[in-house]
């Protein structure tokens, strides 16, 4: 490749959308609260090209009123979703009715957004799906770095659905379902 064929590298500073203060971030982080004005910022994978190129977009970040001052909160991507089981087959028995009953009402899905293993994401997500947290807004607290992109949310939710269904006593063979999700929110929980 000749030097002319190389695309030049441009550095775009990471600044708050509201007050233009620099955002201090580690390379893995994708969401922050501005230390100056409190604006939530989400790293935008596709910045708008041009003279006022932005690498972030606004993000509402909600803090649980159950968080305790002095303790770091844990960030979760949260969305209400509706699962409709369209076909479920098992090797023995039939837990199809229990599955339809469980998924008959919309549920809150929680995906840990900090650095952790896939197993922990699914295990904690399934626990919170079965034991939803109160989402009442409270005061801001410091929180663990947000590193899980919102685009991964649906895949993790699908892991959780299959995990719950595979845990039933009838030895799941296959399942098909429809999943409708409302817009994501970032919540900081204790």
Protein backbone atom coordinates (compact mmCIF):
# COMPACT_ATOMS: atom_id res chain seq x y z
CA UNK A 1 0.00 0.00 0.00
CA UNK A 2 1.33 3.37 -0.92
CA UNK A 3 1.17 6.32 1.53
CA UNK A 4 -1.53 7.92 -0.66
CA UNK A 5 -3.86 4.95 -0.19
CA UNK A 6 -3.79 5.15 3.59
CA UNK A 7 -6.69 6.84 5.29
CA UNK A 8 -5.43 9.55 7.62
CA UNK A 9 -6.17 9.11 11.28
CA UNK A 10 -8.14 11.91 12.88
CA UNK A 11 -8.38 12.36 16.59
CA UNK A 12 -11.72 13.65 17.82
CA UNK A 13 -11.78 14.80 21.45
CA UNK A 14 -14.30 13.17 23.75
CA UNK A 15 -16.31 16.04 25.19
CA UNK A 16 -19.65 16.48 26.90
CA UNK A 17 -22.49 17.32 24.54
CA UNK A 18 -23.96 19.89 26.92
CA UNK A 19 -20.99 21.84 28.30
CA UNK A 20 -18.10 20.66 26.07
CA UNK A 21 -15.99 19.69 29.08
CA UNK A 22 -13.48 16.92 28.39
CA UNK A 23 -14.66 13.47 29.44
CA UNK A 24 -12.07 11.38 31.24
CA UNK A 25 -12.59 7.81 30.08
CA UNK A 26 -10.74 4.54 29.88
CA UNK A 27 -10.56 2.85 26.45
CA UNK A 28 -13.26 0.26 27.28
CA UNK A 29 -15.89 2.69 28.60
CA UNK A 30 -18.88 3.65 26.47
CA UNK A 31 -21.07 5.79 28.77
CA UNK A 32 -20.36 8.53 31.30
CA UNK A 33 -21.86 11.27 33.38
CA UNK A 34 -20.14 14.60 32.85
CA UNK A 35 -18.36 15.69 36.02
CA UNK A 36 -19.15 19.35 35.28
CA UNK A 37 -22.83 19.44 34.32
CA UNK A 38 -24.18 15.93 35.01
CA UNK A 39 -25.15 15.20 31.38
CA UNK A 40 -25.17 11.51 30.44
CA UNK A 41 -23.11 10.73 27.34
CA UNK A 42 -23.03 7.53 25.26
CA UNK A 43 -20.22 6.78 22.82
CA UNK A 44 -21.68 6.85 19.34
CA UNK A 45 -20.31 4.13 17.09
CA UNK A 46 -21.13 6.19 14.01
CA UNK A 47 -20.18 9.82 14.62
CA UNK A 48 -21.66 12.39 12.30
CA UNK A 49 -18.94 13.57 9.89
CA UNK A 50 -18.34 17.25 9.52
CA UNK A 51 -16.85 20.25 11.26
CA UNK A 52 -18.92 19.69 14.43
CA UNK A 53 -18.35 15.94 14.52
CA UNK A 54 -19.71 14.36 17.68
CA UNK A 55 -18.48 11.12 19.14
CA UNK A 56 -21.21 10.96 21.77
CA UNK A 57 -24.95 11.28 22.00
CA UNK A 58 -27.12 12.19 24.98
CA UNK A 59 -28.03 9.42 27.39
CA UNK A 60 -30.45 9.61 30.27
CA UNK A 61 -28.92 7.78 33.22
CA UNK A 62 -31.20 6.86 36.08
CA UNK A 63 -29.99 6.27 39.64
CA UNK A 64 -31.95 3.98 41.96
CA UNK A 65 -33.22 5.49 45.19
CA UNK A 66 -32.03 2.26 46.88
CA UNK A 67 -28.38 3.18 46.19
CA UNK A 68 -26.35 4.12 49.22
CA UNK A 69 -24.05 7.13 49.25
CA UNK A 70 -20.41 6.06 49.45
CA UNK A 71 -21.02 2.78 47.56
CA UNK A 72 -20.38 2.40 43.86
CA UNK A 73 -23.51 1.57 41.92
CA UNK A 74 -23.73 -1.12 39.26
CA UNK A 75 -24.90 -0.07 35.77
CA UNK A 76 -27.60 -2.12 34.05
CA UNK A 77 -29.23 -1.77 30.66
CA UNK A 78 -32.94 -2.22 31.41
CA UNK A 79 -35.94 -2.64 29.11
CA UNK A 80 -39.46 -3.95 29.43
CA UNK A 81 -40.10 -6.80 27.04
CA UNK A 82 -42.81 -9.19 25.98
CA UNK A 83 -41.99 -12.80 25.14
CA UNK A 84 -44.52 -14.86 23.19
CA UNK A 85 -43.65 -18.57 23.02
CA UNK A 86 -44.74 -19.81 19.59
CA UNK A 87 -43.41 -23.39 19.77
CA UNK A 88 -41.86 -25.37 22.60
CA UNK A 89 -40.81 -29.01 22.46
CA UNK A 90 -39.28 -31.14 25.17
CA UNK A 91 -37.84 -34.62 25.58
CA UNK A 92 -40.03 -35.59 28.55
CA UNK A 93 -43.10 -34.07 30.13
CA UNK A 94 -44.62 -30.76 29.12
CA UNK A 95 -43.91 -27.47 30.87
CA UNK A 96 -45.39 -25.48 27.99
CA UNK A 97 -48.26 -24.15 30.09
CA UNK A 98 -45.86 -23.00 32.84
CA UNK A 99 -43.74 -21.30 30.18
CA UNK A 100 -46.73 -19.51 28.64
CA UNK A 101 -47.92 -18.45 32.12
CA UNK A 102 -44.48 -17.11 33.07
CA UNK A 103 -44.16 -15.08 29.86
CA UNK A 104 -47.83 -14.00 29.67
CA UNK A 105 -47.11 -10.50 31.07
CA UNK A 106 -44.38 -8.07 30.03
CA UNK A 107 -41.21 -8.38 32.11
CA UNK A 108 -38.25 -6.17 32.95
CA UNK A 109 -34.98 -7.43 31.52
CA UNK A 110 -31.70 -6.38 33.17
CA UNK A 111 -28.30 -6.74 31.51
CA UNK A 112 -25.21 -5.89 33.59
CA UNK A 113 -23.26 -3.18 31.76
CA UNK A 114 -19.98 -3.42 33.69
CA UNK A 115 -17.06 -5.74 32.94
CA UNK A 116 -18.10 -9.28 33.90
CA UNK A 117 -18.37 -12.75 32.36
CA UNK A 118 -21.19 -13.92 30.10
CA UNK A 119 -22.13 -16.50 32.73
CA UNK A 120 -22.47 -13.75 35.35
CA UNK A 121 -24.48 -11.55 32.98
CA UNK A 122 -26.95 -14.37 32.30
CA UNK A 123 -27.10 -15.60 35.92
CA UNK A 124 -27.67 -12.11 37.35
CA UNK A 125 -30.06 -11.21 34.53
CA UNK A 126 -32.18 -14.33 35.16
CA UNK A 127 -32.22 -13.63 38.91
CA UNK A 128 -33.40 -10.05 38.35
CA UNK A 129 -35.94 -11.18 35.76
CA UNK A 130 -37.46 -13.43 38.40
CA UNK A 131 -36.97 -10.84 41.18
CA UNK A 132 -37.38 -7.40 39.59
CA UNK A 133 -35.95 -4.37 41.34
CA UNK A 134 -37.89 -1.21 42.07
CA UNK A 135 -36.93 1.42 39.54
CA UNK A 136 -37.56 4.56 41.53
CA UNK A 137 -35.18 7.42 40.72
CA UNK A 138 -32.85 8.73 43.41
CA UNK A 139 -29.67 10.74 43.86
CA UNK A 140 -26.61 10.25 41.66
CA UNK A 141 -23.84 8.00 42.98
CA UNK A 142 -20.50 6.96 41.47
CA UNK A 143 -20.77 3.75 39.44
CA UNK A 144 -18.68 1.03 37.82
CA UNK A 145 -17.51 1.75 34.26
CA UNK A 146 -20.11 1.02 31.57
CA UNK A 147 -18.50 -1.28 28.99
CA UNK A 148 -21.37 -3.35 27.54
CA UNK A 149 -22.75 -1.76 24.36
CA UNK A 150 -26.53 -1.34 24.21
CA UNK A 151 -26.47 -3.23 20.90
CA UNK A 152 -25.59 -6.44 22.81
CA UNK A 153 -28.75 -6.22 24.96
CA UNK A 154 -31.03 -8.37 22.79
CA UNK A 155 -28.48 -11.21 22.50
CA UNK A 156 -28.06 -11.38 26.28
CA UNK A 157 -31.84 -11.33 26.78
CA UNK A 158 -32.18 -14.26 24.38
CA UNK A 159 -29.59 -16.18 26.45
CA UNK A 160 -31.71 -15.46 29.54
CA UNK A 161 -34.94 -16.67 27.93
CA UNK A 162 -33.35 -19.93 26.79
CA UNK A 163 -31.68 -20.35 30.21
CA UNK A 164 -35.02 -20.03 32.03
CA UNK A 165 -36.72 -22.46 29.66
CA UNK A 166 -33.85 -24.96 29.78
CA UNK A 167 -34.10 -24.93 33.58
CA UNK A 168 -37.63 -26.39 33.53
CA UNK A 169 -38.08 -30.06 34.45
CA UNK A 170 -39.21 -31.25 31.03
CA UNK A 171 -35.77 -31.28 29.31
CA UNK A 172 -36.22 -28.60 26.65
CA UNK A 173 -35.56 -29.79 23.10
CA UNK A 174 -36.35 -26.60 21.18
CA UNK A 175 -38.16 -23.30 21.57
CA UNK A 176 -39.21 -20.53 19.26
CA UNK A 177 -40.58 -17.22 20.47
CA UNK A 178 -41.17 -13.61 19.54
CA UNK A 179 -39.44 -10.94 21.61
CA UNK A 180 -40.59 -7.33 21.60
CA UNK A 181 -38.48 -4.86 23.59
CA UNK A 182 -39.22 -1.27 24.60
CA UNK A 183 -36.41 1.32 24.41
CA UNK A 184 -33.41 0.75 26.68
CA UNK A 185 -32.59 2.77 29.76
CA UNK A 186 -29.36 2.82 31.74
CA UNK A 187 -30.03 2.35 35.47
CA UNK A 188 -27.48 2.50 38.27
CA UNK A 189 -28.56 0.00 40.93
CA UNK A 190 -27.03 -0.94 44.28
